[in-house]
Amino acid sequence: MKKKIFKLLIFTIICSSCEKSYKIDTNTVFRYNEHKNINSLDPIFAKDIANIWAVNQLYNGLVEMDKNLNVIPSIAKKWEVSEDAKTYTFIIDTTIKFHAHKLLKHRNVTAHDFEYSFNRLINPELASPGGWVLENVKKFYAQNDTIFKIELDNPFNSFLGILTMKYCSVVPKKIVEFYGNDFRSNPVGTGPFKFKRWEENIKLVLRKNLDYFEKDSIGNKLPYFESVSVTFLPEKQSEFLQLVKGNIDFISGLDNSYKDNILNNSGGLNKSYQDRINMLRGPFLNTEYLAFFSGSNQKEIKSPLIRKAINIGFDKEKMVKYLRNGIGKAGNGGFIPKGMSGHNSKSLNIYNPENARKLVDIYKKTNGTPKIELTTSSNYLILCEFIQKELENIGIQISINVIPGSSLKQAKANGKLDFFRASWIADYPDAENYMALFYSKNFSPNGPNYTHFKNENFDKLYEKMIKETDQSERVKMYKKMDSIVISKSIIVPLYYDEVTRFVSKNIKGMEITATNLLDLRRVYKED
């Protein structure tokens, strides 16, 4: 009891500047819904946001990102980079413990655990979608319990950022080998919460890790919540209703099923919800776009006239304002999103229906009326129907093919679609991650170049940029590469997304980042 009173006093001091006294019940539960489900709690399969959010509560890596996207220590207390920028030496905090387990007996983390975890990540038999993160690594090894070394083939300025990805989390060999494939549902890590139970597609429960190594700025142990409870209602509308009723504590993102209910046209929270819900909003490293497949035999797709006409033939500002209630920024610049170094804020493809119509008329003289099929998933049908109607006004006939999201993902990876809607969320906060989509050696399905774009000047710039350690020079190269992509009109930027969260009034301490990571360590519920 005395311990709890001490915590209440601490938070009264913290919040005195805002003249509020917050009472924190450390026995509270943070509740959210995951409509996309979770298919694994093993970090080497943390590809989708649903998995990443859950895995982030359970595991740590060498380093992590702070809210400003700076790389900071996690299990590695510090690190050094050699003069040639090829060798990274990490000093492991060996006082950090894995979650309690009958087979581990609170064993501490060592550099050897990272050597095992990294070997597991690149094991072809496990087929982790994150194996690529170590493709530039020559070798890695534990020099002793405390020192972990990584040697690169070539200098790579973004390497520390890559290591913040959840794929690179540390796991205990003894537990993984004991459970085998079932480690996915029996996770043991070092994170702020530990695994309790998981009824797949029904409920996931995590409990506070009492041995967690981090503390807040005045010495209180993290996390504050006693547990995390995740439900799996498949409909976003149901998720929204659960928030309104107070049955869950937050929802993330904007869905057509409730956007007009909760937001006004200016992107603000409607008055009817302002007494119950707070809205958090900020840049999101996500570009939504349309893409053309360069390998297509269709004459319309091959035509730079039609591709350019589509880029400037519909009003993106209007689309964002009325179809997304002002959430996001119109994609009038390049592919690199707003908020990231290298973003081109110039109006490279601004709405110009008159010029778009002229381009279409030139095409029509020898080819007739352009007809194109646009493939999308149901979540983006309204946007695509808007584009369809706008492009009809400049003489382009668009038919829309709606398929499941999983089918769209597979078809674009295998080059089965000529024209499709897509999005790219940064794996790590560096524009290289975006430019990789247009490097010719990254052709899908073996890489993220879904358009099969190939340009000699672009490739030379990309290869030069990879080895460049001066960030200011890298940014110049990013802008040049982005300009090449836009000049060829191989993609159509729709909008640069924003992180949007709707949070119950009594939830405090939640922050958003441009990577949309869910971090619950410092979040608490006001009593």
Protein backbone atom coordinates (compact mmCIF):
# COMPACT_ATOMS: atom_id res chain seq x y z
CA MET A 1 0.00 0.00 0.00
CA LYS A 2 2.82 2.38 0.84
CA LYS A 3 4.39 1.72 -2.56
CA LYS A 4 1.19 2.75 -4.33
CA ILE A 5 0.85 5.97 -2.29
CA PHE A 6 4.42 6.85 -3.26
CA LYS A 7 3.52 6.56 -6.92
CA LEU A 8 0.49 8.81 -6.54
CA LEU A 9 2.63 11.49 -4.90
CA ILE A 10 5.20 11.28 -7.70
CA PHE A 11 2.61 11.95 -10.38
CA THR A 12 1.20 14.88 -8.48
CA ILE A 13 4.66 16.42 -8.67
CA ILE A 14 5.10 15.62 -12.36
CA CYS A 15 1.85 17.25 -13.34
CA SER A 16 2.02 20.27 -11.01
CA SER A 17 2.99 22.54 -13.90
CA CYS A 18 -0.37 21.85 -15.54
CA GLU A 19 -2.20 22.21 -12.20
CA LYS A 20 -3.59 18.69 -12.35
CA SER A 21 -3.20 15.75 -9.99
CA TYR A 22 -3.35 12.36 -11.69
CA LYS A 23 -4.04 9.25 -9.64
CA ILE A 24 -2.73 6.15 -11.33
CA ASP A 25 -4.18 2.75 -10.59
CA THR A 26 -1.32 0.38 -11.40
CA ASN A 27 -3.78 -2.55 -11.55
CA THR A 28 -5.48 -1.21 -14.67
CA VAL A 29 -5.69 -2.87 -18.07
CA PHE A 30 -5.01 -1.27 -21.44
CA ARG A 31 -7.53 -2.57 -23.98
CA TYR A 32 -7.49 -2.38 -27.74
CA ASN A 33 -8.89 -4.27 -30.70
CA GLU A 34 -6.91 -5.72 -33.58
CA HIS A 35 -9.26 -6.15 -36.53
CA LYS A 36 -6.60 -7.68 -38.79
CA ASN A 37 -5.71 -10.45 -36.33
CA ILE A 38 -2.24 -11.54 -35.26
CA ASN A 39 -0.67 -14.61 -36.85
CA SER A 40 2.52 -14.88 -34.77
CA LEU A 41 4.17 -13.53 -31.63
CA ASP A 42 7.59 -14.54 -32.93
CA PRO A 43 9.57 -11.36 -33.78
CA ILE A 44 11.13 -12.78 -36.94
CA PHE A 45 7.60 -12.76 -38.42
CA ALA A 46 6.71 -9.23 -37.27
CA LYS A 47 5.98 -7.88 -40.73
CA ASP A 48 2.47 -6.44 -40.44
CA ILE A 49 1.42 -3.72 -38.02
CA ALA A 50 -0.82 -6.10 -36.03
CA ASN A 51 2.13 -8.39 -35.28
CA ILE A 52 4.55 -5.50 -34.75
CA TRP A 53 2.35 -3.85 -32.10
CA ALA A 54 2.06 -7.04 -30.06
CA VAL A 55 5.71 -8.00 -30.50
CA ASN A 56 6.80 -4.52 -29.42
CA GLN A 57 5.31 -5.16 -25.98
CA LEU A 58 7.18 -8.46 -25.60
CA TYR A 59 10.69 -7.90 -26.94
CA ASN A 60 13.66 -5.55 -27.15
CA GLY A 61 16.55 -5.28 -29.57
CA LEU A 62 19.99 -3.72 -29.46
CA VAL A 63 18.56 -0.26 -30.17
CA GLU A 64 15.21 1.46 -30.62
CA MET A 65 13.69 4.67 -32.00
CA ASP A 66 12.58 7.54 -29.81
CA LYS A 67 9.51 9.63 -30.67
CA ASN A 68 11.66 11.89 -32.87
CA LEU A 69 12.99 8.90 -34.83
CA ASN A 70 16.45 9.10 -33.30
CA VAL A 71 18.22 5.80 -32.60
CA ILE A 72 18.74 5.33 -28.87
CA PRO A 73 20.06 2.48 -26.68
CA SER A 74 17.90 -0.45 -25.64
CA ILE A 75 19.63 -3.67 -24.60
CA ALA A 76 22.89 -2.24 -25.99
CA LYS A 77 24.04 0.39 -23.50
CA LYS A 78 26.22 2.04 -26.13
CA TRP A 79 27.96 1.37 -29.42
CA GLU A 80 30.89 2.44 -31.54
CA VAL A 81 31.24 2.66 -35.33
CA SER A 82 34.62 2.21 -37.00
CA GLU A 83 36.17 4.97 -39.13
CA ASP A 84 35.33 3.14 -42.34
CA ALA A 85 31.70 2.81 -41.10
CA LYS A 86 31.76 -0.95 -41.64
CA THR A 87 32.15 -2.31 -38.09
CA TYR A 88 29.63 -1.76 -35.28
CA THR A 89 30.54 -2.72 -31.73
CA PHE A 90 27.68 -2.96 -29.23
CA ILE A 91 28.09 -3.15 -25.46
CA ILE A 92 25.29 -5.31 -24.02
CA ASP A 93 23.63 -4.53 -20.69
CA THR A 94 23.94 -8.00 -19.16
CA THR A 95 21.81 -7.05 -16.15
CA ILE A 96 18.68 -7.28 -18.34
CA LYS A 97 16.64 -10.45 -17.83
CA PHE A 98 14.44 -12.55 -20.06
CA HIS A 99 10.87 -13.07 -18.88
CA ALA A 100 10.52 -15.58 -16.08
CA HIS A 101 10.13 -19.14 -17.36
CA LYS A 102 10.60 -22.52 -15.71
CA LEU A 103 13.35 -23.39 -18.20
CA LEU A 104 15.24 -20.10 -17.83
CA LYS A 105 15.05 -19.15 -14.18
CA HIS A 106 15.46 -15.41 -14.92
CA ARG A 107 18.60 -15.81 -17.05
CA ASN A 108 20.26 -12.55 -18.13
CA VAL A 109 20.75 -11.52 -21.77
CA THR A 110 24.23 -11.79 -23.27
CA ALA A 111 25.81 -11.01 -26.63
CA HIS A 112 25.55 -14.73 -27.45
CA ASP A 113 21.76 -14.40 -27.39
CA PHE A 114 21.97 -11.78 -30.13
CA GLU A 115 24.28 -14.02 -32.16
CA TYR A 116 21.69 -16.80 -31.91
CA SER A 117 18.77 -14.48 -32.67
CA PHE A 118 20.44 -13.02 -35.77
CA ASN A 119 21.37 -16.46 -37.08
CA ARG A 120 17.78 -17.48 -36.62
CA LEU A 121 16.57 -14.40 -38.53
CA ILE A 122 18.59 -15.34 -41.62
CA ASN A 123 17.94 -19.08 -41.43
CA PRO A 124 16.38 -19.94 -44.83
CA GLU A 125 14.45 -22.84 -43.32
CA LEU A 126 12.47 -20.41 -41.16
CA ALA A 127 11.78 -18.08 -44.12
CA SER A 128 11.49 -14.89 -42.10
CA PRO A 129 10.18 -11.96 -44.17
CA GLY A 130 12.77 -9.87 -42.32
CA GLY A 131 15.86 -11.82 -43.39
CA TRP A 132 16.72 -9.03 -45.82
CA VAL A 133 17.63 -6.63 -42.99
CA LEU A 134 21.00 -8.36 -42.62
CA GLU A 135 21.75 -8.74 -46.34
CA ASN A 136 24.53 -6.12 -46.20
CA VAL A 137 26.11 -7.82 -43.17
CA LYS A 138 29.39 -9.65 -43.75
CA LYS A 139 29.41 -11.31 -40.33
CA PHE A 140 28.23 -10.88 -36.76
CA TYR A 141 29.46 -12.53 -33.59
CA ALA A 142 29.63 -12.36 -29.81
CA GLN A 143 33.15 -11.48 -28.79
CA ASN A 144 32.21 -12.35 -25.21
CA ASP A 145 29.08 -12.05 -23.05
CA THR A 146 29.17 -8.26 -23.23
CA ILE A 147 30.44 -7.35 -26.72
CA PHE A 148 28.48 -8.00 -29.91
CA LYS A 149 30.06 -7.07 -33.25
CA ILE A 150 28.57 -6.59 -36.70
CA GLU A 151 30.70 -6.15 -39.83
CA LEU A 152 29.16 -4.79 -43.05
CA ASP A 153 30.16 -5.45 -46.64
CA ASN A 154 29.73 -1.74 -47.41
CA PRO A 155 29.06 1.36 -45.31
CA PHE A 156 25.33 1.93 -44.88
CA ASN A 157 24.20 5.09 -43.15
CA SER A 158 20.76 3.67 -42.28
CA PHE A 159 22.01 0.48 -40.65
CA LEU A 160 21.26 1.51 -37.05
CA GLY A 161 17.73 2.42 -38.13
CA ILE A 162 17.29 -1.05 -39.61
CA LEU A 163 18.36 -2.62 -36.31
CA THR A 164 15.41 -0.92 -34.58
CA MET A 165 13.02 -3.16 -36.51
CA LYS A 166 11.30 -5.82 -34.40
CA TYR A 167 12.82 -8.56 -36.58
CA CYS A 168 16.09 -7.87 -34.73
CA SER A 169 14.69 -8.59 -31.25
CA VAL A 170 16.56 -10.91 -28.91
CA VAL A 171 15.09 -14.32 -28.04
CA PRO A 172 16.37 -17.10 -25.72
CA LYS A 173 17.73 -20.16 -27.54
CA LYS A 174 16.62 -22.65 -24.90
CA ILE A 175 12.97 -21.56 -25.06
CA VAL A 176 12.86 -21.35 -28.87
CA GLU A 177 14.31 -24.83 -29.25
CA PHE A 178 11.97 -26.22 -26.61
CA TYR A 179 8.82 -24.94 -28.35
CA GLY A 180 10.01 -25.14 -31.96
CA ASN A 181 7.33 -23.80 -34.31
CA ASP A 182 5.06 -23.25 -31.32
CA PHE A 183 7.31 -20.44 -30.11
CA ARG A 184 4.93 -18.25 -32.15
CA SER A 185 2.32 -18.77 -29.42
CA ASN A 186 4.65 -19.19 -26.45
CA PRO A 187 6.83 -16.06 -26.65
CA VAL A 188 9.56 -15.18 -24.17
CA GLY A 189 11.41 -11.91 -24.52
CA THR A 190 12.69 -9.02 -22.41
CA GLY A 191 9.92 -6.49 -23.07
CA PRO A 192 7.73 -4.47 -20.70
CA PHE A 193 4.97 -7.08 -20.85
CA LYS A 194 5.12 -10.86 -20.79
CA PHE A 195 2.87 -13.44 -22.37
CA LYS A 196 -0.17 -14.72 -20.42
CA ARG A 197 -2.59 -16.36 -22.88
CA TRP A 198 -3.73 -16.23 -26.48
CA GLU A 199 -6.99 -17.60 -27.85
CA GLU A 200 -6.37 -16.98 -31.52
CA ASN A 201 -8.89 -14.64 -33.16
CA ILE A 202 -10.57 -14.16 -29.78
CA LYS A 203 -8.29 -12.62 -27.15
CA LEU A 204 -4.64 -11.98 -26.29
CA VAL A 205 -3.56 -11.11 -22.75
CA LEU A 206 -0.15 -9.79 -21.69
CA ARG A 207 0.93 -9.11 -18.09
CA LYS A 208 3.35 -6.59 -16.65
CA ASN A 209 6.98 -7.74 -16.59
CA LEU A 210 7.97 -7.03 -12.98
CA ASP A 211 11.64 -7.39 -13.90
CA TYR A 212 11.56 -4.89 -16.75
CA PHE A 213 14.77 -2.89 -16.83
CA GLU A 214 13.51 0.61 -17.72
CA LYS A 215 12.30 3.31 -15.35
CA ASP A 216 10.65 6.67 -15.91
CA SER A 217 12.49 9.97 -15.49
CA ILE A 218 12.05 9.98 -11.70
CA GLY A 219 12.75 6.34 -10.99
CA ASN A 220 9.36 4.59 -11.16
CA LYS A 221 9.48 1.17 -12.80
CA LEU A 222 7.91 0.77 -16.22
CA PRO A 223 5.38 -0.13 -17.49
CA TYR A 224 2.51 1.43 -15.53
CA PHE A 225 -0.28 -0.89 -16.72
CA GLU A 226 -0.80 -4.23 -15.04
CA SER A 227 -1.83 -5.87 -18.30
CA VAL A 228 -2.73 -5.46 -21.96
CA SER A 229 -5.87 -7.05 -23.40
CA VAL A 230 -6.36 -7.39 -27.16
CA THR A 231 -9.63 -8.43 -28.79
CA PHE A 232 -10.12 -9.39 -32.44
CA LEU A 233 -13.38 -7.94 -33.73
CA PRO A 234 -13.01 -8.04 -37.53
CA GLU A 235 -15.09 -4.96 -38.37
CA LYS A 236 -13.76 -1.42 -37.96
CA GLN A 237 -17.27 -0.14 -37.32
CA SER A 238 -17.61 -2.53 -34.35
CA GLU A 239 -14.21 -1.40 -33.11
CA PHE A 240 -15.35 2.22 -33.20
CA LEU A 241 -18.53 1.42 -31.27
CA GLN A 242 -16.47 -0.35 -28.60
CA LEU A 243 -14.41 2.82 -28.16
CA VAL A 244 -17.51 4.99 -27.86
CA LYS A 245 -18.97 2.63 -25.25
CA GLY A 246 -15.73 2.71 -23.27
CA ASN A 247 -14.97 -0.99 -23.81
CA ILE A 248 -11.59 -0.33 -25.44
CA ASP A 249 -9.15 2.51 -24.87
CA PHE A 250 -8.14 3.59 -28.36
CA ILE A 251 -8.41 2.93 -32.08
CA SER A 252 -5.94 3.78 -34.79
CA GLY A 253 -6.56 5.00 -38.31
CA LEU A 254 -9.50 6.33 -40.24
CA ASP A 255 -12.12 4.06 -41.76
CA ASN A 256 -14.98 4.94 -44.11
CA SER A 257 -17.45 3.25 -41.75
CA TYR A 258 -17.06 5.96 -39.10
CA LYS A 259 -14.98 8.84 -40.51
CA ASP A 260 -17.93 11.15 -41.16
CA ASN A 261 -19.34 10.33 -37.73
CA ILE A 262 -16.25 11.24 -35.76
CA LEU A 263 -14.59 13.94 -37.92
CA ASN A 264 -15.64 17.14 -39.62
CA ASN A 265 -14.45 18.11 -43.11
CA SER A 266 -11.49 20.00 -41.65
CA GLY A 267 -10.13 16.89 -40.00
CA GLY A 268 -11.15 17.89 -36.48
CA LEU A 269 -13.05 15.88 -33.91
CA ASN A 270 -16.82 16.39 -33.99
CA LYS A 271 -18.18 18.16 -30.91
CA SER A 272 -20.36 15.21 -29.91
CA TYR A 273 -17.23 13.19 -29.05
CA GLN A 274 -14.97 15.83 -27.57
CA ASP A 275 -16.02 15.07 -23.98
CA ARG A 276 -15.12 11.37 -24.31
CA ILE A 277 -12.31 11.10 -26.84
CA ASN A 278 -9.01 12.79 -27.61
CA MET A 279 -7.58 12.83 -31.11
CA LEU A 280 -3.86 12.41 -31.75
CA ARG A 281 -2.58 13.27 -35.20
CA GLY A 282 0.85 13.59 -36.85
CA PRO A 283 2.95 12.70 -39.91
CA PHE A 284 3.02 9.05 -40.94
CA LEU A 285 5.82 7.62 -43.09
CA ASN A 286 3.33 6.15 -45.54
CA THR A 287 2.74 7.07 -49.17
CA GLU A 288 -0.48 5.90 -50.80
CA TYR A 289 -0.17 5.63 -54.57
CA LEU A 290 -1.23 4.08 -57.85
CA ALA A 291 1.37 2.08 -59.76
CA PHE A 292 1.92 1.06 -63.38
CA PHE A 293 3.67 -2.22 -64.23
CA SER A 294 6.52 -1.52 -66.66
CA GLY A 295 6.39 -5.06 -68.02
CA SER A 296 2.81 -4.60 -69.24
CA ASN A 297 1.96 -5.15 -72.91
CA GLN A 298 -1.03 -2.83 -72.68
CA LYS A 299 -0.49 0.24 -74.88
CA GLU A 300 -2.12 2.61 -72.38
CA ILE A 301 0.26 1.51 -69.62
CA LYS A 302 3.25 1.86 -71.94
CA SER A 303 2.26 5.39 -72.93
CA PRO A 304 4.00 8.19 -70.96
CA LEU A 305 1.23 10.50 -72.21
CA ILE A 306 -1.49 8.53 -70.43
CA ARG A 307 0.58 7.96 -67.29
CA LYS A 308 1.27 11.68 -67.03
CA ALA A 309 -2.36 12.55 -67.77
CA ILE A 310 -3.49 10.33 -64.90
CA ASN A 311 -0.96 11.97 -62.56
CA ILE A 312 -2.34 15.45 -63.18
CA GLY A 313 -5.88 14.53 -64.20
CA PHE A 314 -7.67 14.41 -60.84
CA ASP A 315 -7.85 16.77 -57.88
CA LYS A 316 -5.88 15.23 -55.01
CA GLU A 317 -6.56 18.15 -52.67
CA LYS A 318 -10.30 17.66 -53.13
CA MET A 319 -9.93 13.89 -52.68
CA VAL A 320 -8.17 14.27 -49.32
CA LYS A 321 -10.53 16.96 -48.07
CA TYR A 322 -13.82 15.23 -48.84
CA LEU A 323 -13.00 11.51 -48.88
CA ARG A 324 -10.54 11.50 -45.98
CA ASN A 325 -11.95 14.45 -44.03
CA GLY A 326 -8.67 16.31 -44.39
CA ILE A 327 -6.49 13.51 -42.96
CA GLY A 328 -3.28 13.35 -45.01
CA LYS A 329 -1.53 15.66 -47.45
CA ALA A 330 -2.23 15.62 -51.18
CA GLY A 331 0.47 13.74 -53.14
CA ASN A 332 1.53 16.63 -55.34
CA GLY A 333 5.24 16.04 -54.73
CA GLY A 334 7.39 12.96 -55.10
CA PHE A 335 7.18 9.45 -53.69
CA ILE A 336 9.11 10.15 -50.47
CA PRO A 337 6.50 11.16 -47.86
CA LYS A 338 6.15 14.41 -46.01
CA GLY A 339 8.12 14.42 -42.75
CA MET A 340 11.09 12.46 -44.13
CA SER A 341 14.43 13.87 -45.28
CA GLY A 342 14.40 13.89 -49.07
CA HIS A 343 10.71 14.74 -49.42
CA ASN A 344 10.16 16.99 -52.42
CA SER A 345 7.62 19.66 -51.53
CA LYS A 346 7.56 21.10 -55.06
CA SER A 347 4.37 20.66 -57.05
CA LEU A 348 5.66 18.04 -59.47
CA ASN A 349 2.27 16.67 -60.53
CA ILE A 350 -0.32 19.19 -59.42
CA TYR A 351 -3.89 18.98 -60.75
CA ASN A 352 -4.10 20.42 -64.28
CA PRO A 353 -7.12 19.04 -66.16
CA GLU A 354 -6.50 21.22 -69.22
CA ASN A 355 -3.01 19.85 -69.81
CA ALA A 356 -4.16 16.33 -68.94
CA ARG A 357 -6.89 16.54 -71.58
CA LYS A 358 -4.34 17.72 -74.19
CA LEU A 359 -2.12 14.71 -73.45
CA VAL A 360 -5.09 12.36 -73.84
CA ASP A 361 -6.10 14.03 -77.13
CA ILE A 362 -2.59 13.48 -78.53
CA TYR A 363 -2.81 9.81 -77.56
CA LYS A 364 -6.30 9.43 -79.09
CA LYS A 365 -5.16 10.56 -82.53
CA THR A 366 -3.34 7.28 -83.14
CA ASN A 367 -4.64 4.93 -80.45
CA GLY A 368 -8.29 5.73 -79.79
CA THR A 369 -9.92 6.16 -76.37
CA PRO A 370 -7.66 4.93 -73.55
CA LYS A 371 -9.23 2.18 -71.43
CA ILE A 372 -7.50 0.92 -68.27
CA GLU A 373 -8.42 -1.45 -65.44
CA LEU A 374 -7.45 -0.31 -61.94
CA THR A 375 -7.18 -3.06 -59.30
CA THR A 376 -7.81 -2.24 -55.65
CA SER A 377 -9.11 -3.70 -52.40
CA SER A 378 -12.52 -2.77 -50.97
CA ASN A 379 -11.01 -0.41 -48.37
CA TYR A 380 -9.93 1.98 -51.12
CA LEU A 381 -12.89 1.59 -53.46
CA ILE A 382 -14.31 5.05 -52.71
CA LEU A 383 -11.00 6.71 -53.57
CA CYS A 384 -10.71 4.74 -56.79
CA GLU A 385 -14.28 5.59 -57.78
CA PHE A 386 -13.48 9.27 -57.28
CA ILE A 387 -10.41 8.92 -59.54
CA GLN A 388 -12.49 7.02 -62.07
CA LYS A 389 -15.05 9.83 -62.37
CA GLU A 390 -12.42 12.56 -62.49
CA LEU A 391 -10.47 10.83 -65.27
CA GLU A 392 -13.62 10.31 -67.33
CA ASN A 393 -13.75 14.11 -67.61
CA ILE A 394 -10.38 14.16 -69.39
CA GLY A 395 -11.20 11.24 -71.69
CA ILE A 396 -9.76 8.20 -69.90
CA GLN A 397 -12.06 5.26 -69.22
CA ILE A 398 -11.21 3.47 -65.98
CA SER A 399 -12.79 0.20 -64.90
CA ILE A 400 -12.28 -0.92 -61.30
CA ASN A 401 -11.43 -4.46 -60.27
CA VAL A 402 -11.97 -5.08 -56.54
CA ILE A 403 -10.16 -8.06 -55.02
CA PRO A 404 -9.23 -9.06 -51.44
CA GLY A 405 -6.22 -7.30 -49.97
CA SER A 406 -4.26 -10.55 -49.70
CA SER A 407 -4.90 -11.33 -53.37
CA LEU A 408 -3.85 -7.83 -54.38
CA LYS A 409 -0.63 -8.20 -52.43
CA GLN A 410 0.22 -11.47 -54.12
CA ALA A 411 -0.77 -10.37 -57.62
CA LYS A 412 1.30 -7.17 -57.56
CA ALA A 413 4.31 -9.10 -56.24
CA ASN A 414 4.05 -11.56 -59.13
CA GLY A 415 3.59 -8.93 -61.84
CA LYS A 416 -0.01 -9.93 -62.58
CA LEU A 417 -1.48 -6.41 -62.46
CA ASP A 418 -0.99 -3.61 -64.99
CA PHE A 419 -2.39 -0.80 -62.84
CA PHE A 420 -3.02 -1.07 -59.12
CA ARG A 421 -3.40 0.81 -55.85
CA ALA A 422 -0.63 0.34 -53.30
CA SER A 423 0.96 1.88 -50.24
CA TRP A 424 4.44 1.91 -48.79
CA ILE A 425 5.00 2.30 -45.06
CA ALA A 426 8.62 2.86 -44.07
CA ASP A 427 10.33 -0.15 -42.52
CA TYR A 428 12.86 2.30 -41.08
CA PRO A 429 12.98 6.11 -41.24
CA ASP A 430 15.30 6.67 -44.18
CA ALA A 431 14.33 7.61 -47.73
CA GLU A 432 16.50 4.78 -49.05
CA ASN A 433 13.64 2.54 -47.97
CA TYR A 434 11.41 4.31 -50.53
CA MET A 435 13.93 4.53 -53.34
CA ALA A 436 14.56 0.78 -53.05
CA LEU A 437 11.16 0.31 -54.73
CA PHE A 438 12.63 1.56 -58.02
CA TYR A 439 16.09 -0.05 -58.03
CA SER A 440 16.27 -2.52 -60.92
CA LYS A 441 17.93 -5.28 -58.86
CA ASN A 442 14.90 -5.29 -56.53
CA PHE A 443 12.37 -6.59 -59.05
CA SER A 444 9.49 -8.38 -57.34
CA PRO A 445 8.86 -11.09 -56.25
CA ASN A 446 12.46 -11.05 -54.95
CA GLY A 447 12.33 -7.41 -53.92
CA PRO A 448 9.96 -4.45 -53.49
CA ASN A 449 10.19 -3.09 -57.05
CA TYR A 450 6.58 -3.95 -57.95
CA THR A 451 6.55 -1.67 -61.01
CA HIS A 452 9.70 -3.30 -62.48
CA PHE A 453 10.95 0.22 -63.14
CA LYS A 454 14.45 0.28 -64.64
CA ASN A 455 16.49 3.41 -65.28
CA GLU A 456 20.26 3.48 -65.65
CA ASN A 457 20.71 6.95 -64.11
CA PHE A 458 18.52 6.03 -61.17
CA ASP A 459 20.47 2.82 -60.53
CA LYS A 460 23.82 4.64 -60.58
CA LEU A 461 22.53 7.22 -58.10
CA TYR A 462 21.10 4.52 -55.84
CA GLU A 463 24.36 2.56 -55.75
CA LYS A 464 26.33 5.73 -55.04
CA MET A 465 23.87 6.76 -52.32
CA ILE A 466 24.16 3.41 -50.51
CA LYS A 467 27.86 4.02 -49.89
CA GLU A 468 27.54 7.72 -49.03
CA THR A 469 27.99 8.49 -45.33
CA ASP A 470 27.35 12.25 -45.54
CA GLN A 471 23.63 12.68 -44.81
CA SER A 472 23.33 16.03 -46.63
CA GLU A 473 24.75 14.44 -49.79
CA ARG A 474 22.38 11.50 -49.42
CA VAL A 475 19.39 13.85 -49.23
CA LYS A 476 20.46 15.53 -52.50
CA MET A 477 20.62 12.11 -54.15
CA TYR A 478 17.22 11.13 -52.75
CA LYS A 479 15.65 14.18 -54.38
CA LYS A 480 17.33 13.48 -57.72
CA MET A 481 16.17 9.86 -57.70
CA ASP A 482 12.65 10.85 -56.67
CA SER A 483 12.52 13.37 -59.52
CA ILE A 484 13.51 10.66 -62.02
CA VAL A 485 10.67 8.43 -60.84
CA ILE A 486 8.11 11.22 -61.03
CA SER A 487 9.35 12.42 -64.42
CA LYS A 488 8.66 8.94 -65.84
CA SER A 489 5.19 8.87 -64.22
CA ILE A 490 5.60 5.23 -63.24
CA ILE A 491 3.60 5.87 -60.08
CA VAL A 492 0.85 8.31 -59.07
CA PRO A 493 1.25 9.62 -55.51
CA LEU A 494 -2.24 9.96 -54.00
CA TYR A 495 -1.49 11.32 -50.53
CA TYR A 496 1.04 11.28 -47.73
CA ASP A 497 -0.74 9.70 -44.81
CA GLU A 498 -1.03 10.82 -41.20
CA VAL A 499 -1.09 8.79 -38.00
CA THR A 500 -4.51 9.26 -36.46
CA ARG A 501 -5.52 7.85 -33.09
CA PHE A 502 -8.73 8.26 -31.15
CA VAL A 503 -8.05 7.77 -27.45
CA SER A 504 -10.32 7.66 -24.40
CA LYS A 505 -10.09 10.81 -22.28
CA ASN A 506 -8.71 9.00 -19.24
CA ILE A 507 -5.72 7.57 -21.14
CA LYS A 508 -2.60 9.67 -20.59
CA GLY A 509 0.96 9.53 -21.81
CA MET A 510 0.26 8.10 -25.26
CA GLU A 511 2.43 9.58 -27.99
CA ILE A 512 2.53 8.97 -31.70
CA THR A 513 5.50 8.54 -34.00
CA ALA A 514 5.83 8.74 -37.77
CA THR A 515 6.25 4.95 -37.85
CA ASN A 516 2.93 4.42 -36.00
CA LEU A 517 4.49 2.13 -33.41
CA LEU A 518 2.36 1.32 -30.35
CA ASP A 519 4.48 1.97 -27.24
CA LEU A 520 2.66 1.37 -23.95
CA ARG A 521 5.56 1.65 -21.51
CA ARG A 522 4.71 5.18 -20.34
CA VAL A 523 0.96 5.14 -20.98
CA TYR A 524 -1.36 5.13 -17.98
CA LYS A 525 -5.01 5.51 -17.08
CA GLU A 526 -6.15 8.46 -15.00
CA ASP A 527 -8.10 7.29 -11.96
